[in-house]
Amino acid sequence: LAGMATTIESLSAAGAELVYGDMKDRNSLAAACQGVQTVITTANSVLRGGEDTV
């Protein structure tokens, strides 16, 4: 996680605006993407099963 924090700090320092959305919540993704030019995601395709599956 330390490397991830450094990456986030670097993106912020370069002028990126960080916003968050929930892959299970279409409205949160739509709101997070309003006026966005680039999306960087950490979503993956690992299936855990049950309610945790996207």
PDB file of N, CA and C in Angstrom:
ATOM      1  N   LEU A   1       0.803  -1.208   0.000  1.00  0.00           N
ATOM      2  CA  LEU A   1       0.000   0.000   0.000  1.00  0.00           C
ATOM      3  C   LEU A   1       0.840   1.263   0.000  1.00  0.00           C
ATOM      4  N   ALA A   2       2.064   1.180   0.476  1.00  0.00           N
ATOM      5  CA  ALA A   2       2.924   2.368   0.499  1.00  0.00           C
ATOM      6  C   ALA A   2       3.186   2.863  -0.915  1.00  0.00           C
ATOM      7  N   GLY A   3       3.419   1.959  -1.855  1.00  0.00           N
ATOM      8  CA  GLY A   3       3.640   2.344  -3.243  1.00  0.00           C
ATOM      9  C   GLY A   3       2.410   2.990  -3.853  1.00  0.00           C
ATOM     10  N   MET A   4       1.239   2.490  -3.468  1.00  0.00           N
ATOM     11  CA  MET A   4      -0.008   3.055  -3.963  1.00  0.00           C
ATOM     12  C   MET A   4      -0.188   4.483  -3.454  1.00  0.00           C
ATOM     13  N   ALA A   5       0.153   4.727  -2.201  1.00  0.00           N
ATOM     14  CA  ALA A   5       0.051   6.077  -1.636  1.00  0.00           C
ATOM     15  C   ALA A   5       0.966   7.030  -2.387  1.00  0.00           C
ATOM     16  N   THR A   6       2.160   6.578  -2.730  1.00  0.00           N
ATOM     17  CA  THR A   6       3.100   7.407  -3.487  1.00  0.00           C
ATOM     18  C   THR A   6       2.538   7.728  -4.867  1.00  0.00           C
ATOM     19  N   THR A   7       1.925   6.754  -5.518  1.00  0.00           N
ATOM     20  CA  THR A   7       1.323   6.973  -6.831  1.00  0.00           C
ATOM     21  C   THR A   7       0.188   7.981  -6.741  1.00  0.00           C
ATOM     22  N   ILE A   8      -0.656   7.848  -5.743  1.00  0.00           N
ATOM     23  CA  ILE A   8      -1.767   8.786  -5.550  1.00  0.00           C
ATOM     24  C   ILE A   8      -1.237  10.185  -5.311  1.00  0.00           C
ATOM     25  N   GLU A   9      -0.218  10.319  -4.484  1.00  0.00           N
ATOM     26  CA  GLU A   9       0.384  11.629  -4.216  1.00  0.00           C
ATOM     27  C   GLU A   9       0.973  12.223  -5.495  1.00  0.00           C
ATOM     28  N   SER A  10       1.618  11.397  -6.307  1.00  0.00           N
ATOM     29  CA  SER A  10       2.210  11.866  -7.566  1.00  0.00           C
ATOM     30  C   SER A  10       1.137  12.348  -8.533  1.00  0.00           C
ATOM     31  N   LEU A  11       0.050  11.611  -8.636  1.00  0.00           N
ATOM     32  CA  LEU A  11      -1.046  12.014  -9.511  1.00  0.00           C
ATOM     33  C   LEU A  11      -1.664  13.325  -9.043  1.00  0.00           C
ATOM     34  N   SER A  12      -1.860  13.458  -7.750  1.00  0.00           N
ATOM     35  CA  SER A  12      -2.417  14.700  -7.197  1.00  0.00           C
ATOM     36  C   SER A  12      -1.485  15.873  -7.458  1.00  0.00           C
ATOM     37  N   ALA A  13      -0.194  15.666  -7.266  1.00  0.00           N
ATOM     38  CA  ALA A  13       0.791  16.728  -7.482  1.00  0.00           C
ATOM     39  C   ALA A  13       0.827  17.156  -8.951  1.00  0.00           C
ATOM     40  N   ALA A  14       0.504  16.238  -9.858  1.00  0.00           N
ATOM     41  CA  ALA A  14       0.496  16.546 -11.289  1.00  0.00           C
ATOM     42  C   ALA A  14      -0.804  17.223 -11.725  1.00  0.00           C
ATOM     43  N   GLY A  15      -1.719  17.414 -10.777  1.00  0.00           N
ATOM     44  CA  GLY A  15      -2.962  18.113 -11.081  1.00  0.00           C
ATOM     45  C   GLY A  15      -4.174  17.227 -11.280  1.00  0.00           C
ATOM     46  N   ALA A  16      -4.022  15.928 -11.054  1.00  0.00           N
ATOM     47  CA  ALA A  16      -5.162  15.022 -11.203  1.00  0.00           C
ATOM     48  C   ALA A  16      -6.143  15.226 -10.056  1.00  0.00           C
ATOM     49  N   GLU A  17      -7.426  15.168 -10.381  1.00  0.00           N
ATOM     50  CA  GLU A  17      -8.461  15.211  -9.353  1.00  0.00           C
ATOM     51  C   GLU A  17      -8.889  13.774  -9.099  1.00  0.00           C
ATOM     52  N   LEU A  18      -8.746  13.308  -7.884  1.00  0.00           N
ATOM     53  CA  LEU A  18      -9.081  11.934  -7.553  1.00  0.00           C
ATOM     54  C   LEU A  18     -10.526  11.854  -7.082  1.00  0.00           C
ATOM     55  N   VAL A  19     -11.292  10.970  -7.700  1.00  0.00           N
ATOM     56  CA  VAL A  19     -12.674  10.725  -7.308  1.00  0.00           C
ATOM     57  C   VAL A  19     -12.871   9.217  -7.215  1.00  0.00           C
ATOM     58  N   TYR A  20     -13.874   8.808  -6.493  1.00  0.00           N
ATOM     59  CA  TYR A  20     -14.099   7.388  -6.262  1.00  0.00           C
ATOM     60  C   TYR A  20     -15.519   7.008  -6.638  1.00  0.00           C
ATOM     61  N   GLY A  21     -15.676   5.793  -7.136  1.00  0.00           N
ATOM     62  CA  GLY A  21     -16.984   5.249  -7.452  1.00  0.00           C
ATOM     63  C   GLY A  21     -17.022   3.789  -7.044  1.00  0.00           C
ATOM     64  N   ASP A  22     -18.213   3.261  -6.911  1.00  0.00           N
ATOM     65  CA  ASP A  22     -18.419   1.872  -6.513  1.00  0.00           C
ATOM     66  C   ASP A  22     -18.870   1.083  -7.742  1.00  0.00           C
ATOM     67  N   MET A  23     -18.148   0.039  -8.111  1.00  0.00           N
ATOM     68  CA  MET A  23     -18.470  -0.749  -9.304  1.00  0.00           C
ATOM     69  C   MET A  23     -19.865  -1.366  -9.232  1.00  0.00           C
ATOM     70  N   LYS A  24     -20.427  -1.477  -8.043  1.00  0.00           N
ATOM     71  CA  LYS A  24     -21.768  -2.031  -7.881  1.00  0.00           C
ATOM     72  C   LYS A  24     -22.840  -0.947  -7.877  1.00  0.00           C
ATOM     73  N   ASP A  25     -22.436   0.311  -8.037  1.00  0.00           N
ATOM     74  CA  ASP A  25     -23.371   1.434  -7.968  1.00  0.00           C
ATOM     75  C   ASP A  25     -23.219   2.309  -9.209  1.00  0.00           C
ATOM     76  N   ARG A  26     -24.073   2.062 -10.204  1.00  0.00           N
ATOM     77  CA  ARG A  26     -23.995   2.777 -11.481  1.00  0.00           C
ATOM     78  C   ARG A  26     -24.046   4.293 -11.289  1.00  0.00           C
ATOM     79  N   ASN A  27     -24.880   4.769 -10.377  1.00  0.00           N
ATOM     80  CA  ASN A  27     -25.001   6.212 -10.159  1.00  0.00           C
ATOM     81  C   ASN A  27     -23.710   6.819  -9.624  1.00  0.00           C
ATOM     82  N   SER A  28     -23.007   6.095  -8.749  1.00  0.00           N
ATOM     83  CA  SER A  28     -21.744   6.627  -8.218  1.00  0.00           C
ATOM     84  C   SER A  28     -20.693   6.705  -9.321  1.00  0.00           C
ATOM     85  N   LEU A  29     -20.714   5.747 -10.248  1.00  0.00           N
ATOM     86  CA  LEU A  29     -19.768   5.772 -11.366  1.00  0.00           C
ATOM     87  C   LEU A  29     -20.090   6.911 -12.326  1.00  0.00           C
ATOM     88  N   ALA A  30     -21.373   7.112 -12.598  1.00  0.00           N
ATOM     89  CA  ALA A  30     -21.776   8.207 -13.484  1.00  0.00           C
ATOM     90  C   ALA A  30     -21.361   9.547 -12.887  1.00  0.00           C
ATOM     91  N   ALA A  31     -21.570   9.710 -11.588  1.00  0.00           N
ATOM     92  CA  ALA A  31     -21.190  10.959 -10.919  1.00  0.00           C
ATOM     93  C   ALA A  31     -19.674  11.136 -10.927  1.00  0.00           C
ATOM     94  N   ALA A  32     -18.938  10.062 -10.674  1.00  0.00           N
ATOM     95  CA  ALA A  32     -17.478  10.138 -10.630  1.00  0.00           C
ATOM     96  C   ALA A  32     -16.890  10.466 -12.000  1.00  0.00           C
ATOM     97  N   CYS A  33     -17.594  10.100 -13.074  1.00  0.00           N
ATOM     98  CA  CYS A  33     -17.072  10.302 -14.428  1.00  0.00           C
ATOM     99  C   CYS A  33     -17.547  11.589 -15.096  1.00  0.00           C
ATOM    100  N   GLN A  34     -18.336  12.391 -14.411  1.00  0.00           N
ATOM    101  CA  GLN A  34     -18.814  13.656 -14.979  1.00  0.00           C
ATOM    102  C   GLN A  34     -17.630  14.543 -15.350  1.00  0.00           C
ATOM    103  N   GLY A  35     -17.522  14.917 -16.613  1.00  0.00           N
ATOM    104  CA  GLY A  35     -16.474  15.822 -17.067  1.00  0.00           C
ATOM    105  C   GLY A  35     -15.068  15.242 -17.058  1.00  0.00           C
ATOM    106  N   VAL A  36     -14.959  13.936 -16.947  1.00  0.00           N
ATOM    107  CA  VAL A  36     -13.661  13.270 -16.842  1.00  0.00           C
ATOM    108  C   VAL A  36     -13.066  13.018 -18.224  1.00  0.00           C
ATOM    109  N   GLN A  37     -11.763  13.207 -18.356  1.00  0.00           N
ATOM    110  CA  GLN A  37     -11.061  12.915 -19.604  1.00  0.00           C
ATOM    111  C   GLN A  37     -10.373  11.554 -19.557  1.00  0.00           C
ATOM    112  N   THR A  38      -9.938  11.128 -18.373  1.00  0.00           N
ATOM    113  CA  THR A  38      -9.207   9.872 -18.226  1.00  0.00           C
ATOM    114  C   THR A  38      -9.673   9.149 -16.972  1.00  0.00           C
ATOM    115  N   VAL A  39      -9.813   7.832 -17.064  1.00  0.00           N
ATOM    116  CA  VAL A  39     -10.181   7.016 -15.909  1.00  0.00           C
ATOM    117  C   VAL A  39      -9.058   6.018 -15.654  1.00  0.00           C
ATOM    118  N   ILE A  40      -8.612   5.955 -14.415  1.00  0.00           N
ATOM    119  CA  ILE A  40      -7.653   4.940 -13.977  1.00  0.00           C
ATOM    120  C   ILE A  40      -8.375   4.129 -12.919  1.00  0.00           C
ATOM    121  N   THR A  41      -8.447   2.832 -13.121  1.00  0.00           N
ATOM    122  CA  THR A  41      -9.181   1.993 -12.181  1.00  0.00           C
ATOM    123  C   THR A  41      -8.295   0.893 -11.617  1.00  0.00           C
ATOM    124  N   THR A  42      -8.620   0.468 -10.419  1.00  0.00           N
ATOM    125  CA  THR A  42      -7.921  -0.661  -9.808  1.00  0.00           C
ATOM    126  C   THR A  42      -8.834  -1.875  -9.728  1.00  0.00           C
ATOM    127  N   ALA A  43      -9.959  -1.820 -10.442  1.00  0.00           N
ATOM    128  CA  ALA A  43     -10.892  -2.949 -10.450  1.00  0.00           C
ATOM    129  C   ALA A  43     -10.217  -4.158 -11.085  1.00  0.00           C
ATOM    130  N   ASN A  44     -10.595  -5.340 -10.626  1.00  0.00           N
ATOM    131  CA  ASN A  44     -10.042  -6.562 -11.206  1.00  0.00           C
ATOM    132  C   ASN A  44     -11.169  -7.538 -11.498  1.00  0.00           C
ATOM    133  N   SER A  45     -10.842  -8.651 -12.077  1.00  0.00           N
ATOM    134  CA  SER A  45     -11.861  -9.624 -12.467  1.00  0.00           C
ATOM    135  C   SER A  45     -11.841 -10.880 -11.608  1.00  0.00           C
ATOM    136  N   VAL A  46     -11.322 -10.784 -10.409  1.00  0.00           N
ATOM    137  CA  VAL A  46     -11.294 -11.934  -9.514  1.00  0.00           C
ATOM    138  C   VAL A  46     -12.684 -12.138  -8.930  1.00  0.00           C
ATOM    139  N   LEU A  47     -13.244 -13.311  -9.131  1.00  0.00           N
ATOM    140  CA  LEU A  47     -14.564 -13.611  -8.591  1.00  0.00           C
ATOM    141  C   LEU A  47     -14.427 -14.232  -7.215  1.00  0.00           C
ATOM    142  N   ARG A  48     -15.091 -13.631  -6.250  1.00  0.00           N
ATOM    143  CA  ARG A  48     -15.068 -14.173  -4.895  1.00  0.00           C
ATOM    144  C   ARG A  48     -16.335 -14.964  -4.614  1.00  0.00           C
ATOM    145  N   GLY A  49     -17.387 -14.674  -5.372  1.00  0.00           N
ATOM    146  CA  GLY A  49     -18.644 -15.381  -5.204  1.00  0.00           C
ATOM    147  C   GLY A  49     -19.626 -14.641  -4.316  1.00  0.00           C
ATOM    148  N   GLY A  50     -20.853 -15.113  -4.336  1.00  0.00           N
ATOM    149  CA  GLY A  50     -21.890 -14.524  -3.497  1.00  0.00           C
ATOM    150  C   GLY A  50     -22.142 -13.070  -3.808  1.00  0.00           C
ATOM    151  N   GLU A  51     -22.411 -12.296  -2.791  1.00  0.00           N
ATOM    152  CA  GLU A  51     -22.720 -10.873  -2.927  1.00  0.00           C
ATOM    153  C   GLU A  51     -21.514 -10.044  -3.344  1.00  0.00           C
ATOM    154  N   ASP A  52     -20.310 -10.588  -3.245  1.00  0.00           N
ATOM    155  CA  ASP A  52     -19.103  -9.822  -3.529  1.00  0.00           C
ATOM    156  C   ASP A  52     -18.766  -9.788  -5.016  1.00  0.00           C
ATOM    157  N   THR A  53     -19.467 -10.541  -5.832  1.00  0.00           N
ATOM    158  CA  THR A  53     -19.179 -10.604  -7.256  1.00  0.00           C
ATOM    159  C   THR A  53     -19.725  -9.377  -7.966  1.00  0.00           C
ATOM    160  N   VAL A  54     -18.896  -8.751  -8.796  1.00  0.00           N
ATOM    161  CA  VAL A  54     -19.338  -7.589  -9.577  1.00  0.00           C
ATOM    162  C   VAL A  54     -19.829  -8.066 -10.913  1.00  0.00           C
TER     163      VAL A  54
END
